[in-house]
Amino acid sequence: MKLKTLILTAMAAVCSIAPITASAHSAVFADTAGTVETGDWEPIDDALWDVHVEHDCDVMIKTTDDLEGMSVKNYADAYYEEWHDDKEEDGILLVVSMDTREYFILTSGSCIYSFTDAGLDYIEARIVPDMSDGDYKAAFLEFAELCDDFLVQAASGRPYDGSHMPKEPFNVGLSLLIALGVGLAAGGIGLLILFGNLKSVHQQHGAADYTVPNSFRLNTQRDIFLYRKVRREEKPDDDEKRGSSTFTGGSGDTRGGSGGTF
């Protein structure tokens, strides 16, 4: 009897925990506006959740058809604070407003350091074209992948910033074809110019035909040094850190972020 009681107690505990876990899992992708098909929802949710588990910070996406009279920036801040019970947590949130065609990426806690202004510009440049084309699944999956990459880089102590950004994939085959084409074109033009300048000539056994008698006279030879002016300028550092601009959220916490239209 005692053993049966223990088993029932354990089952009840598991049942009470499971709904909480499922709810937290699904909340990382709140597609209220219905931007993706039902079958495409789970891969996005899983991708965001994997980044959350790997880096112990929230990576969230929220779509909406109603900003409730707020700017997209204030809406993102209010949604994030409501989700975190007015506590400052490490996280990044992408809000997409379908009625105004606006978006805002909000950062909090350590993610303000991990996602600099330059880094957010880079992420926006990667996801906005897909959103403009209506391919929200591709944009959201790209967002999750980039967040993972940026968080890994930030953990190394040098977050992406300035000109220090993720390197684009290098297409060796295409680059070779382009280089070969440019080389052949340049070489062909050079040969055509050389052939066009060719003239019929006859062999000469001396240099008399190429000089004018007594045409060169050197009377005085001097080297005169006038002056030297040296101007030194500091070379700008393209990799200079730009950091993150911040603002104060509704609860008084510091937030970072960037947004625009699509």
Protein backbone atom coordinates (compact mmCIF):
# COMPACT_ATOMS: atom_id res chain seq x y z
CA MET A 1 0.00 0.00 0.00
CA LYS A 2 2.81 2.33 0.85
CA LEU A 3 4.56 1.56 -2.46
CA LYS A 4 1.36 2.28 -4.41
CA THR A 5 1.01 5.64 -2.69
CA LEU A 6 4.56 6.59 -3.63
CA ILE A 7 3.98 5.65 -7.28
CA LEU A 8 0.78 7.70 -7.48
CA THR A 9 2.51 10.67 -5.85
CA ALA A 10 5.36 10.50 -8.37
CA MET A 11 2.94 10.31 -11.32
CA ALA A 12 1.03 13.31 -10.02
CA ALA A 13 4.24 15.29 -9.73
CA VAL A 14 5.25 14.44 -13.30
CA CYS A 15 1.80 15.39 -14.64
CA SER A 16 1.92 18.74 -12.85
CA ILE A 17 5.36 19.58 -14.25
CA ALA A 18 4.75 18.52 -17.86
CA PRO A 19 2.21 21.25 -18.78
CA ILE A 20 4.52 23.95 -17.42
CA THR A 21 7.41 22.68 -19.54
CA ALA A 22 5.26 22.50 -22.68
CA SER A 23 3.93 26.01 -22.09
CA ALA A 24 7.40 27.50 -21.69
CA HIS A 25 8.56 25.64 -24.78
CA SER A 26 5.80 26.96 -27.05
CA ALA A 27 6.01 30.54 -25.79
CA VAL A 28 9.38 31.24 -27.42
CA PHE A 29 7.52 31.52 -30.76
CA ALA A 30 4.20 33.32 -30.39
CA ASP A 31 2.89 33.62 -33.94
CA THR A 32 -0.28 35.51 -33.08
CA ALA A 33 -0.52 36.99 -36.58
CA GLY A 34 -0.32 33.56 -38.23
CA THR A 35 2.63 34.33 -40.46
CA VAL A 36 3.64 30.68 -40.99
CA GLU A 37 1.71 27.52 -41.77
CA THR A 38 0.87 25.14 -38.95
CA GLY A 39 3.35 22.57 -40.22
CA ASP A 40 6.17 25.14 -40.25
CA TRP A 41 5.60 26.30 -36.68
CA GLU A 42 7.38 23.48 -34.86
CA PRO A 43 10.82 23.75 -36.62
CA ILE A 44 10.98 27.45 -35.74
CA ASP A 45 9.95 26.82 -32.15
CA ASP A 46 12.50 24.01 -31.81
CA ALA A 47 15.29 26.16 -33.27
CA LEU A 48 14.59 29.00 -30.82
CA TRP A 49 14.30 26.63 -27.90
CA ASP A 50 17.60 24.92 -28.76
CA VAL A 51 19.41 28.29 -28.66
CA HIS A 52 17.72 29.08 -25.35
CA VAL A 53 18.89 25.80 -23.80
CA GLU A 54 22.40 26.05 -25.23
CA HIS A 55 23.09 29.60 -24.05
CA ASP A 56 20.74 29.94 -21.07
CA CYS A 57 19.03 33.05 -22.38
CA ASP A 58 15.66 33.74 -23.98
CA VAL A 59 15.49 33.85 -27.78
CA MET A 60 11.93 34.75 -28.71
CA ILE A 61 9.79 35.80 -31.68
CA LYS A 62 6.41 37.50 -31.38
CA THR A 63 4.16 38.41 -34.32
CA THR A 64 1.07 40.55 -33.97
CA ASP A 65 -1.69 42.28 -35.93
CA ASP A 66 -2.33 44.84 -33.18
CA LEU A 67 0.26 47.02 -31.45
CA GLU A 68 -2.43 48.17 -28.99
CA GLY A 69 -1.76 51.83 -29.70
CA MET A 70 1.96 51.57 -28.94
CA SER A 71 5.04 51.94 -31.10
CA VAL A 72 6.61 48.65 -32.11
CA LYS A 73 9.54 49.45 -29.80
CA ASN A 74 7.31 50.06 -26.77
CA TYR A 75 5.21 47.02 -27.63
CA ALA A 76 8.34 44.84 -27.67
CA ASP A 77 9.42 46.27 -24.32
CA ALA A 78 5.98 45.75 -22.76
CA TYR A 79 5.71 42.20 -24.07
CA TYR A 80 9.18 41.29 -22.81
CA GLU A 81 8.55 42.77 -19.37
CA GLU A 82 5.18 41.03 -19.08
CA TRP A 83 6.77 37.72 -19.96
CA HIS A 84 9.54 38.15 -17.40
CA ASP A 85 7.43 39.60 -14.57
CA ASP A 86 9.34 42.91 -14.63
CA LYS A 87 12.66 41.18 -14.03
CA GLU A 88 15.76 41.98 -16.06
CA GLU A 89 16.68 38.73 -17.80
CA ASP A 90 19.19 37.82 -20.51
CA GLY A 91 17.33 37.63 -23.78
CA ILE A 92 16.60 38.80 -27.30
CA LEU A 93 13.12 39.29 -28.76
CA LEU A 94 12.04 39.87 -32.36
CA VAL A 95 8.62 41.52 -32.69
CA VAL A 96 6.98 41.64 -36.14
CA SER A 97 3.93 43.88 -36.62
CA MET A 98 1.98 42.77 -39.67
CA ASP A 99 -0.49 45.68 -39.71
CA THR A 100 2.22 48.37 -39.79
CA ARG A 101 4.91 46.29 -41.53
CA GLU A 102 7.39 47.11 -38.77
CA TYR A 103 9.79 45.05 -36.69
CA PHE A 104 11.91 45.59 -33.60
CA ILE A 105 14.68 43.48 -32.09
CA LEU A 106 14.91 44.04 -28.33
CA THR A 107 17.87 42.92 -26.21
CA SER A 108 18.13 42.62 -22.43
CA GLY A 109 20.77 41.74 -19.85
CA SER A 110 23.94 40.20 -21.26
CA CYS A 111 22.39 40.12 -24.74
CA ILE A 112 22.90 43.90 -24.94
CA TYR A 113 26.62 43.07 -24.94
CA SER A 114 26.28 40.06 -27.24
CA PHE A 115 24.24 41.91 -29.88
CA THR A 116 25.84 45.29 -30.61
CA ASP A 117 24.32 47.94 -32.88
CA ALA A 118 26.50 46.75 -35.75
CA GLY A 119 25.53 43.17 -35.01
CA LEU A 120 21.82 43.99 -35.07
CA ASP A 121 22.31 45.82 -38.38
CA TYR A 122 23.88 42.65 -39.76
CA ILE A 123 21.03 40.46 -38.53
CA GLU A 124 18.42 42.83 -39.95
CA ALA A 125 20.14 42.80 -43.34
CA ARG A 126 19.86 39.01 -43.35
CA ILE A 127 16.23 38.58 -42.26
CA VAL A 128 14.40 41.65 -43.59
CA PRO A 129 14.56 40.63 -47.31
CA ASP A 130 12.85 37.33 -46.51
CA MET A 131 10.16 39.09 -44.45
CA SER A 132 9.59 41.56 -47.28
CA ASP A 133 9.09 38.61 -49.65
CA GLY A 134 6.64 36.97 -47.24
CA ASP A 135 8.96 34.06 -46.44
CA TYR A 136 8.66 34.36 -42.66
CA LYS A 137 9.71 30.78 -42.02
CA ALA A 138 13.09 31.40 -43.67
CA ALA A 139 13.48 34.73 -41.84
CA PHE A 140 12.69 33.25 -38.42
CA LEU A 141 14.95 30.21 -38.89
CA GLU A 142 17.73 32.55 -40.03
CA PHE A 143 17.15 34.68 -36.93
CA ALA A 144 17.53 31.66 -34.65
CA GLU A 145 20.71 30.54 -36.43
CA LEU A 146 22.27 34.00 -36.27
CA CYS A 147 21.40 34.35 -32.58
CA ASP A 148 23.25 31.11 -31.89
CA ASP A 149 26.28 32.29 -33.87
CA PHE A 150 26.36 35.68 -32.13
CA LEU A 151 26.03 34.15 -28.66
CA VAL A 152 28.85 31.68 -29.36
CA GLN A 153 31.07 34.56 -30.51
CA ALA A 154 30.18 36.69 -27.48
CA ALA A 155 31.10 33.81 -25.17
CA SER A 156 34.65 33.99 -26.59
CA GLY A 157 34.99 37.51 -25.15
CA ARG A 158 34.85 39.36 -28.47
CA PRO A 159 31.28 39.87 -29.71
CA TYR A 160 30.64 40.74 -33.31
CA ASP A 161 31.04 44.49 -33.74
CA GLY A 162 32.36 47.09 -36.19
CA SER A 163 33.83 45.33 -39.22
CA HIS A 164 34.23 42.13 -37.20
CA MET A 165 31.20 40.24 -38.50
CA PRO A 166 30.44 36.64 -39.50
CA LYS A 167 32.22 35.72 -42.71
CA GLU A 168 30.02 34.95 -45.67
CA PRO A 169 30.37 31.48 -47.27
CA PHE A 170 33.06 31.49 -49.97
CA ASN A 171 32.01 29.95 -53.30
CA VAL A 172 35.28 28.61 -54.70
CA GLY A 173 33.88 27.41 -58.04
CA LEU A 174 32.09 30.65 -58.85
CA SER A 175 35.09 32.74 -57.79
CA LEU A 176 37.40 30.73 -60.07
CA LEU A 177 35.06 31.13 -63.03
CA ILE A 178 34.82 34.88 -62.46
CA ALA A 179 38.60 35.21 -62.12
CA LEU A 180 39.16 33.14 -65.28
CA GLY A 181 36.66 35.21 -67.24
CA VAL A 182 38.18 38.51 -66.11
CA GLY A 183 41.69 37.26 -66.90
CA LEU A 184 40.77 36.12 -70.39
CA ALA A 185 38.96 39.36 -71.15
CA ALA A 186 41.83 41.53 -69.92
CA GLY A 187 44.41 39.45 -71.77
CA GLY A 188 42.43 39.51 -75.00
CA ILE A 189 42.01 43.29 -74.90
CA GLY A 190 45.72 43.74 -74.23
CA LEU A 191 46.68 41.56 -77.19
CA LEU A 192 44.31 43.41 -79.51
CA ILE A 193 45.89 46.73 -78.48
CA LEU A 194 49.40 45.38 -79.10
CA PHE A 195 48.49 43.96 -82.51
CA GLY A 196 46.87 47.25 -83.48
CA ASN A 197 50.09 49.17 -82.72
CA LEU A 198 52.34 46.93 -84.85
CA LYS A 199 54.01 48.63 -87.85
CA SER A 200 56.18 47.29 -90.64
CA VAL A 201 59.87 47.87 -89.81
CA HIS A 202 63.24 47.11 -91.42
CA GLN A 203 66.38 45.97 -89.71
CA GLN A 204 68.89 48.73 -88.91
CA HIS A 205 72.60 48.05 -88.33
CA GLY A 206 73.31 51.30 -86.49
CA ALA A 207 71.73 54.03 -84.37
CA ALA A 208 72.41 56.92 -86.70
CA ASP A 209 68.85 57.05 -87.97
CA TYR A 210 67.54 57.50 -84.43
CA THR A 211 69.67 60.47 -83.28
CA VAL A 212 70.02 64.14 -84.22
CA PRO A 213 73.69 65.22 -84.39
CA ASN A 214 74.76 67.71 -81.65
CA SER A 215 71.25 67.81 -80.21
CA PHE A 216 72.29 67.01 -76.62
CA ARG A 217 74.51 69.42 -74.65
CA LEU A 218 75.08 69.18 -70.88
CA ASN A 219 76.59 72.39 -69.53
CA THR A 220 75.87 72.22 -65.79
CA GLN A 221 74.83 69.38 -63.49
CA ARG A 222 73.54 70.09 -59.95
CA ASP A 223 71.35 68.36 -57.34
CA ILE A 224 69.30 70.91 -55.38
CA PHE A 225 67.31 69.85 -52.29
CA LEU A 226 64.49 72.30 -51.71
CA TYR A 227 62.49 71.07 -48.66
CA ARG A 228 60.64 68.14 -47.20
CA LYS A 229 57.15 68.18 -45.73
CA VAL A 230 55.87 65.16 -43.81
CA ARG A 231 52.23 64.86 -42.79
CA ARG A 232 51.18 62.07 -40.47
CA GLU A 233 47.56 61.06 -39.87
CA GLU A 234 46.25 58.33 -37.64
CA LYS A 235 44.87 55.44 -39.65
CA PRO A 236 41.24 54.76 -38.71
CA ASP A 237 40.58 51.38 -37.18
CA ASP A 238 37.86 49.66 -39.20
CA ASP A 239 37.44 47.14 -36.40
CA GLU A 240 36.79 49.78 -33.75
CA LYS A 241 34.15 48.72 -31.24
CA ARG A 242 30.89 50.59 -31.58
CA GLY A 243 29.01 48.89 -28.76
CA SER A 244 25.27 49.02 -28.13
CA SER A 245 22.95 51.96 -27.74
CA THR A 246 20.42 51.51 -24.94
CA PHE A 247 17.16 52.91 -23.58
CA THR A 248 15.22 52.59 -20.33
CA GLY A 249 12.29 50.19 -20.44
CA GLY A 250 8.91 50.71 -18.81
CA SER A 251 10.02 48.92 -15.64
CA GLY A 252 13.21 50.97 -15.41
CA ASP A 253 15.47 48.21 -16.76
CA THR A 254 18.08 48.91 -19.42
CA ARG A 255 17.26 47.59 -22.89
CA GLY A 256 18.99 47.60 -26.23
CA GLY A 257 17.61 47.11 -29.68
CA SER A 258 16.99 48.22 -33.24
CA GLY A 259 14.08 48.20 -35.65
CA GLY A 260 12.66 49.34 -38.95
CA THR A 261 10.17 48.46 -41.70
CA PHE A 262 9.97 45.55 -44.14
